[in-house]
């Protein structure tokens, strides 16, 4: 997915020759409406990915830091004198190809599109009340980016919900707008793939849910 203009990219540069570049995994801390205070570290989230054997050519999939892509097939590559099977995923909007080692698909977070229950929870999240921490924006921005890069549609929906502004509410700052648009783009891309429609229609659907909040 292509981030909004001016947004700082959190995505690695395309590398079609080197397997294993998909081994990154972003942790997503929980959001709270209470003031920040001393807290114990949260346990790492359970990977959302599927087993490598779950994927086949033509499948639409989600990779945490890049959003929705399409599986082109399984290839065998030679690495350090050994054969390595990789899942080839292309991302049309940014013209990038990712090669994910078959045995590391789950831990890398590569997953099939959300099922009905998961996306239903994400859409219901949009109707909830915004939960804003009383912390510095720089810290909240980092947590929002981690949620977006978790690949979890529910956490991405939380970012959209918390940063959305209705008519009559204070305008977003430039950096808030950037993060909001990135989260909206990621969520809309998955909704569009699930509904077999385009991103514009998907965004309108998300806005309808936000209006119910």
C-alpha atoms as a PDB file:
ATOM      1  CA  UNK A   1       0.000   0.000   0.000  1.00  0.00           C
ATOM      2  CA  UNK A   2       1.289   3.456  -0.720  1.00  0.00           C
ATOM      3  CA  UNK A   3       1.467   5.772   2.328  1.00  0.00           C
ATOM      4  CA  UNK A   4       0.046   9.317   2.036  1.00  0.00           C
ATOM      5  CA  UNK A   5       2.350  11.990   0.628  1.00  0.00           C
ATOM      6  CA  UNK A   6       4.834  13.218   3.197  1.00  0.00           C
ATOM      7  CA  UNK A   7       4.370  10.246   5.520  1.00  0.00           C
ATOM      8  CA  UNK A   8       7.472   8.639   6.933  1.00  0.00           C
ATOM      9  CA  UNK A   9       7.667   5.134   5.529  1.00  0.00           C
ATOM     10  CA  UNK A  10       8.090   2.259   7.909  1.00  0.00           C
ATOM     11  CA  UNK A  11       8.495  -0.256   5.081  1.00  0.00           C
ATOM     12  CA  UNK A  12      11.848  -1.775   4.001  1.00  0.00           C
ATOM     13  CA  UNK A  13      13.098  -1.201   0.475  1.00  0.00           C
ATOM     14  CA  UNK A  14      12.155  -3.853  -2.110  1.00  0.00           C
ATOM     15  CA  UNK A  15      14.603  -6.750  -2.266  1.00  0.00           C
ATOM     16  CA  UNK A  16      13.671  -9.459  -4.699  1.00  0.00           C
ATOM     17  CA  UNK A  17      16.979 -11.330  -4.361  1.00  0.00           C
ATOM     18  CA  UNK A  18      17.268 -11.856  -0.625  1.00  0.00           C
ATOM     19  CA  UNK A  19      14.905 -14.307   1.161  1.00  0.00           C
ATOM     20  CA  UNK A  20      14.124 -13.744   4.778  1.00  0.00           C
ATOM     21  CA  UNK A  21      13.321 -10.029   4.552  1.00  0.00           C
ATOM     22  CA  UNK A  22       9.857 -10.776   5.872  1.00  0.00           C
ATOM     23  CA  UNK A  23      11.073 -11.773   9.326  1.00  0.00           C
ATOM     24  CA  UNK A  24      10.138  -8.437  10.916  1.00  0.00           C
ATOM     25  CA  UNK A  25       7.230  -8.387  13.380  1.00  0.00           C
ATOM     26  CA  UNK A  26       5.863  -5.277  15.092  1.00  0.00           C
ATOM     27  CA  UNK A  27       4.432  -5.471  18.599  1.00  0.00           C
ATOM     28  CA  UNK A  28       1.261  -3.517  19.274  1.00  0.00           C
ATOM     29  CA  UNK A  29       0.666  -2.253  22.808  1.00  0.00           C
ATOM     30  CA  UNK A  30      -2.884  -1.994  24.079  1.00  0.00           C
ATOM     31  CA  UNK A  31      -4.669   1.382  24.062  1.00  0.00           C
ATOM     32  CA  UNK A  32      -6.225   2.836  27.197  1.00  0.00           C
ATOM     33  CA  UNK A  33      -8.314   5.831  28.135  1.00  0.00           C
ATOM     34  CA  UNK A  34      -6.592   6.329  31.483  1.00  0.00           C
ATOM     35  CA  UNK A  35      -3.538   8.524  32.157  1.00  0.00           C
ATOM     36  CA  UNK A  36      -0.194   6.887  31.554  1.00  0.00           C
ATOM     37  CA  UNK A  37       1.588   5.557  34.610  1.00  0.00           C
ATOM     38  CA  UNK A  38       4.046   2.855  35.674  1.00  0.00           C
ATOM     39  CA  UNK A  39       3.147  -0.393  34.027  1.00  0.00           C
ATOM     40  CA  UNK A  40       4.633  -3.802  33.493  1.00  0.00           C
ATOM     41  CA  UNK A  41       5.731  -4.733  29.956  1.00  0.00           C
ATOM     42  CA  UNK A  42       2.947  -6.283  27.909  1.00  0.00           C
ATOM     43  CA  UNK A  43       3.558  -9.832  26.644  1.00  0.00           C
ATOM     44  CA  UNK A  44       4.331 -10.077  22.919  1.00  0.00           C
ATOM     45  CA  UNK A  45       1.196 -10.562  20.793  1.00  0.00           C
ATOM     46  CA  UNK A  46       0.442 -13.948  19.319  1.00  0.00           C
ATOM     47  CA  UNK A  47       1.449 -13.989  15.627  1.00  0.00           C
ATOM     48  CA  UNK A  48      -1.525 -13.640  13.309  1.00  0.00           C
ATOM     49  CA  UNK A  49       0.139 -15.482  10.442  1.00  0.00           C
ATOM     50  CA  UNK A  50      -0.840 -18.707   8.693  1.00  0.00           C
ATOM     51  CA  UNK A  51       1.312 -21.740   7.924  1.00  0.00           C
ATOM     52  CA  UNK A  52       3.189 -21.609   4.638  1.00  0.00           C
ATOM     53  CA  UNK A  53       1.180 -24.557   3.339  1.00  0.00           C
ATOM     54  CA  UNK A  54      -2.002 -22.441   3.586  1.00  0.00           C
ATOM     55  CA  UNK A  55      -1.058 -20.194   0.662  1.00  0.00           C
ATOM     56  CA  UNK A  56      -1.504 -20.740  -3.048  1.00  0.00           C
ATOM     57  CA  UNK A  57      -1.166 -18.639  -6.192  1.00  0.00           C
ATOM     58  CA  UNK A  58      -3.929 -16.073  -6.561  1.00  0.00           C
ATOM     59  CA  UNK A  59      -4.655 -15.710  -2.836  1.00  0.00           C
ATOM     60  CA  UNK A  60      -4.982 -12.197  -1.435  1.00  0.00           C
ATOM     61  CA  UNK A  61      -2.961 -11.962   1.753  1.00  0.00           C
ATOM     62  CA  UNK A  62      -1.880  -9.424   4.364  1.00  0.00           C
ATOM     63  CA  UNK A  63       1.720  -8.783   5.382  1.00  0.00           C
ATOM     64  CA  UNK A  64       2.011  -6.671   8.572  1.00  0.00           C
ATOM     65  CA  UNK A  65       4.137  -3.780   7.320  1.00  0.00           C
ATOM     66  CA  UNK A  66       2.881  -3.657   3.725  1.00  0.00           C
ATOM     67  CA  UNK A  67      -0.828  -4.447   3.849  1.00  0.00           C
ATOM     68  CA  UNK A  68      -2.707  -6.399   1.180  1.00  0.00           C
ATOM     69  CA  UNK A  69      -0.795  -8.259  -1.529  1.00  0.00           C
ATOM     70  CA  UNK A  70      -1.342 -11.241  -3.818  1.00  0.00           C
ATOM     71  CA  UNK A  71       0.461 -14.572  -3.810  1.00  0.00           C
ATOM     72  CA  UNK A  72       2.106 -15.333  -7.151  1.00  0.00           C
ATOM     73  CA  UNK A  73       3.245 -18.812  -6.188  1.00  0.00           C
ATOM     74  CA  UNK A  74       5.906 -20.828  -4.364  1.00  0.00           C
ATOM     75  CA  UNK A  75       9.485 -20.717  -5.651  1.00  0.00           C
ATOM     76  CA  UNK A  76      12.676 -22.534  -4.738  1.00  0.00           C
ATOM     77  CA  UNK A  77      15.720 -20.315  -4.237  1.00  0.00           C
ATOM     78  CA  UNK A  78      19.324 -21.189  -3.556  1.00  0.00           C
ATOM     79  CA  UNK A  79      20.743 -19.613  -0.394  1.00  0.00           C
ATOM     80  CA  UNK A  80      24.155 -20.439   1.115  1.00  0.00           C
ATOM     81  CA  UNK A  81      24.262 -23.681  -0.860  1.00  0.00           C
ATOM     82  CA  UNK A  82      20.821 -24.789   0.276  1.00  0.00           C
ATOM     83  CA  UNK A  83      17.467 -24.780  -1.479  1.00  0.00           C
ATOM     84  CA  UNK A  84      14.884 -22.572   0.196  1.00  0.00           C
ATOM     85  CA  UNK A  85      11.186 -22.481  -0.634  1.00  0.00           C
ATOM     86  CA  UNK A  86       9.666 -19.004  -0.537  1.00  0.00           C
ATOM     87  CA  UNK A  87       6.194 -17.548  -0.986  1.00  0.00           C
ATOM     88  CA  UNK A  88       6.264 -14.815  -3.641  1.00  0.00           C
ATOM     89  CA  UNK A  89       3.908 -11.944  -2.825  1.00  0.00           C
ATOM     90  CA  UNK A  90       3.405  -8.842  -4.966  1.00  0.00           C
ATOM     91  CA  UNK A  91       2.021  -5.487  -3.832  1.00  0.00           C
ATOM     92  CA  UNK A  92       0.498  -3.777  -6.844  1.00  0.00           C
ATOM     93  CA  UNK A  93       0.295  -0.193  -5.581  1.00  0.00           C
ATOM     94  CA  UNK A  94       3.977   0.162  -4.754  1.00  0.00           C
ATOM     95  CA  UNK A  95       5.160  -2.361  -7.365  1.00  0.00           C
ATOM     96  CA  UNK A  96       7.037  -4.405  -4.795  1.00  0.00           C
ATOM     97  CA  UNK A  97       7.721  -8.136  -4.630  1.00  0.00           C
ATOM     98  CA  UNK A  98       8.312  -9.861  -1.305  1.00  0.00           C
ATOM     99  CA  UNK A  99       9.748 -13.348  -0.823  1.00  0.00           C
ATOM    100  CA  UNK A 100       8.783 -14.941   2.473  1.00  0.00           C
ATOM    101  CA  UNK A 101      10.452 -18.224   3.548  1.00  0.00           C
ATOM    102  CA  UNK A 102       7.779 -20.922   3.585  1.00  0.00           C
ATOM    103  CA  UNK A 103       8.679 -22.125   7.070  1.00  0.00           C
ATOM    104  CA  UNK A 104       8.591 -18.623   8.565  1.00  0.00           C
ATOM    105  CA  UNK A 105       5.306 -17.377   7.114  1.00  0.00           C
ATOM    106  CA  UNK A 106       3.432 -17.664  10.415  1.00  0.00           C
ATOM    107  CA  UNK A 107       6.032 -15.947  12.606  1.00  0.00           C
ATOM    108  CA  UNK A 108       6.485 -13.201   9.990  1.00  0.00           C
ATOM    109  CA  UNK A 109       2.759 -12.490  10.280  1.00  0.00           C
ATOM    110  CA  UNK A 110       1.819 -13.304   6.681  1.00  0.00           C
ATOM    111  CA  UNK A 111      -1.853 -14.223   6.803  1.00  0.00           C
ATOM    112  CA  UNK A 112      -4.948 -14.809   4.740  1.00  0.00           C
ATOM    113  CA  UNK A 113      -7.568 -12.050   4.616  1.00  0.00           C
ATOM    114  CA  UNK A 114      -9.519 -11.613   7.847  1.00  0.00           C
ATOM    115  CA  UNK A 115     -12.462 -13.934   8.380  1.00  0.00           C
ATOM    116  CA  UNK A 116     -15.997 -12.654   8.942  1.00  0.00           C
ATOM    117  CA  UNK A 117     -15.698 -12.587  12.739  1.00  0.00           C
ATOM    118  CA  UNK A 118     -12.371 -10.732  12.788  1.00  0.00           C
ATOM    119  CA  UNK A 119     -13.455  -8.076  10.290  1.00  0.00           C
ATOM    120  CA  UNK A 120     -16.812  -7.792  12.045  1.00  0.00           C
ATOM    121  CA  UNK A 121     -14.989  -6.975  15.275  1.00  0.00           C
ATOM    122  CA  UNK A 122     -12.872  -4.393  13.442  1.00  0.00           C
ATOM    123  CA  UNK A 123     -15.941  -2.698  11.963  1.00  0.00           C
ATOM    124  CA  UNK A 124     -17.685  -2.688  15.345  1.00  0.00           C
ATOM    125  CA  UNK A 125     -14.557  -1.052  16.803  1.00  0.00           C
ATOM    126  CA  UNK A 126     -15.087   1.898  14.461  1.00  0.00           C
ATOM    127  CA  UNK A 127     -18.443   2.553  16.136  1.00  0.00           C
ATOM    128  CA  UNK A 128     -16.859   2.809  19.583  1.00  0.00           C
ATOM    129  CA  UNK A 129     -15.787   5.880  21.497  1.00  0.00           C
ATOM    130  CA  UNK A 130     -12.286   7.235  20.876  1.00  0.00           C
ATOM    131  CA  UNK A 131      -9.780   6.330  23.594  1.00  0.00           C
ATOM    132  CA  UNK A 132      -6.973   8.848  23.836  1.00  0.00           C
ATOM    133  CA  UNK A 133      -4.075   8.475  26.264  1.00  0.00           C
ATOM    134  CA  UNK A 134      -2.939  11.548  28.167  1.00  0.00           C
ATOM    135  CA  UNK A 135       0.604  11.197  26.930  1.00  0.00           C
ATOM    136  CA  UNK A 136       2.868  13.155  24.607  1.00  0.00           C
ATOM    137  CA  UNK A 137       1.903  12.917  20.928  1.00  0.00           C
ATOM    138  CA  UNK A 138       5.291  11.444  19.967  1.00  0.00           C
ATOM    139  CA  UNK A 139       4.652   8.447  22.214  1.00  0.00           C
ATOM    140  CA  UNK A 140       1.092   7.991  21.008  1.00  0.00           C
ATOM    141  CA  UNK A 141       2.208   8.299  17.383  1.00  0.00           C
ATOM    142  CA  UNK A 142       4.720   5.494  17.911  1.00  0.00           C
ATOM    143  CA  UNK A 143       2.021   3.276  19.435  1.00  0.00           C
ATOM    144  CA  UNK A 144      -0.351   4.041  16.555  1.00  0.00           C
ATOM    145  CA  UNK A 145       2.311   3.083  14.018  1.00  0.00           C
ATOM    146  CA  UNK A 146       2.956  -0.158  15.885  1.00  0.00           C
ATOM    147  CA  UNK A 147      -0.749  -0.964  15.752  1.00  0.00           C
ATOM    148  CA  UNK A 148      -0.863  -0.282  12.014  1.00  0.00           C
ATOM    149  CA  UNK A 149       2.181  -2.474  11.409  1.00  0.00           C
ATOM    150  CA  UNK A 150       0.784  -5.298  13.571  1.00  0.00           C
ATOM    151  CA  UNK A 151      -1.374  -6.360  10.615  1.00  0.00           C
ATOM    152  CA  UNK A 152      -4.314  -6.852  13.014  1.00  0.00           C
ATOM    153  CA  UNK A 153      -7.449  -5.239  11.509  1.00  0.00           C
ATOM    154  CA  UNK A 154      -8.931  -4.664  14.976  1.00  0.00           C
ATOM    155  CA  UNK A 155      -5.880  -2.705  16.140  1.00  0.00           C
ATOM    156  CA  UNK A 156      -5.795  -0.761  12.870  1.00  0.00           C
ATOM    157  CA  UNK A 157      -9.481   0.057  13.357  1.00  0.00           C
ATOM    158  CA  UNK A 158      -8.635   1.421  16.818  1.00  0.00           C
ATOM    159  CA  UNK A 159      -6.219   3.898  15.212  1.00  0.00           C
ATOM    160  CA  UNK A 160      -8.848   4.978  12.671  1.00  0.00           C
ATOM    161  CA  UNK A 161     -11.437   5.386  15.455  1.00  0.00           C
ATOM    162  CA  UNK A 162      -9.153   7.350  17.774  1.00  0.00           C
ATOM    163  CA  UNK A 163      -7.884   9.773  15.112  1.00  0.00           C
ATOM    164  CA  UNK A 164     -11.113  10.284  13.156  1.00  0.00           C
ATOM    165  CA  UNK A 165     -12.650  13.750  13.357  1.00  0.00           C
ATOM    166  CA  UNK A 166     -16.341  14.476  12.789  1.00  0.00           C
ATOM    167  CA  UNK A 167     -17.717  17.860  11.751  1.00  0.00           C
ATOM    168  CA  UNK A 168     -17.436  20.345  14.589  1.00  0.00           C
ATOM    169  CA  UNK A 169     -14.477  18.589  16.230  1.00  0.00           C
ATOM    170  CA  UNK A 170     -10.944  20.071  16.337  1.00  0.00           C
ATOM    171  CA  UNK A 171      -8.955  19.537  13.156  1.00  0.00           C
ATOM    172  CA  UNK A 172      -6.178  16.955  13.055  1.00  0.00           C
ATOM    173  CA  UNK A 173      -2.566  18.041  13.108  1.00  0.00           C
ATOM    174  CA  UNK A 174      -0.475  17.222  10.047  1.00  0.00           C
ATOM    175  CA  UNK A 175       1.152  14.174  11.667  1.00  0.00           C
ATOM    176  CA  UNK A 176      -2.191  12.932  13.018  1.00  0.00           C
ATOM    177  CA  UNK A 177      -3.655  13.197   9.520  1.00  0.00           C
ATOM    178  CA  UNK A 178      -0.763  11.187   8.067  1.00  0.00           C
ATOM    179  CA  UNK A 179      -1.198   8.321  10.527  1.00  0.00           C
ATOM    180  CA  UNK A 180      -4.984   8.394  10.196  1.00  0.00           C
ATOM    181  CA  UNK A 181      -4.795   8.174   6.398  1.00  0.00           C
ATOM    182  CA  UNK A 182      -2.289   5.315   6.534  1.00  0.00           C
ATOM    183  CA  UNK A 183      -4.511   3.336   8.923  1.00  0.00           C
ATOM    184  CA  UNK A 184      -7.603   4.101   6.830  1.00  0.00           C
ATOM    185  CA  UNK A 185      -5.795   2.990   3.665  1.00  0.00           C
ATOM    186  CA  UNK A 186      -4.660  -0.310   5.223  1.00  0.00           C
ATOM    187  CA  UNK A 187      -8.097  -1.157   6.583  1.00  0.00           C
ATOM    188  CA  UNK A 188      -9.918  -0.095   3.407  1.00  0.00           C
ATOM    189  CA  UNK A 189      -7.602  -2.235   1.251  1.00  0.00           C
ATOM    190  CA  UNK A 190      -8.526  -5.363   3.214  1.00  0.00           C
ATOM    191  CA  UNK A 191     -12.238  -4.527   3.224  1.00  0.00           C
ATOM    192  CA  UNK A 192     -12.078  -3.969  -0.547  1.00  0.00           C
ATOM    193  CA  UNK A 193     -10.387  -7.344  -1.066  1.00  0.00           C
ATOM    194  CA  UNK A 194     -12.967  -9.099   1.120  1.00  0.00           C
ATOM    195  CA  UNK A 195     -15.947  -7.352  -0.494  1.00  0.00           C
ATOM    196  CA  UNK A 196     -14.451  -7.637  -3.999  1.00  0.00           C
ATOM    197  CA  UNK A 197     -14.903  -3.948  -4.553  1.00  0.00           C
ATOM    198  CA  UNK A 198     -12.562  -0.944  -4.872  1.00  0.00           C
ATOM    199  CA  UNK A 199     -10.863   1.068  -2.152  1.00  0.00           C
ATOM    200  CA  UNK A 200     -13.127   4.099  -2.590  1.00  0.00           C
ATOM    201  CA  UNK A 201     -16.238   2.023  -1.888  1.00  0.00           C
ATOM    202  CA  UNK A 202     -14.467   0.391   1.062  1.00  0.00           C
ATOM    203  CA  UNK A 203     -13.538   3.783   2.561  1.00  0.00           C
ATOM    204  CA  UNK A 204     -17.132   4.953   2.241  1.00  0.00           C
ATOM    205  CA  UNK A 205     -18.207   1.803   4.098  1.00  0.00           C
ATOM    206  CA  UNK A 206     -15.725   2.554   6.892  1.00  0.00           C
ATOM    207  CA  UNK A 207     -16.935   6.155   7.140  1.00  0.00           C
ATOM    208  CA  UNK A 208     -20.515   4.898   7.489  1.00  0.00           C
ATOM    209  CA  UNK A 209     -19.435   2.806  10.493  1.00  0.00           C
ATOM    210  CA  UNK A 210     -17.551   5.759  11.999  1.00  0.00           C
ATOM    211  CA  UNK A 211     -20.689   7.916  11.763  1.00  0.00           C
ATOM    212  CA  UNK A 212     -22.469   5.397  13.992  1.00  0.00           C
ATOM    213  CA  UNK A 213     -20.036   6.073  16.791  1.00  0.00           C
END
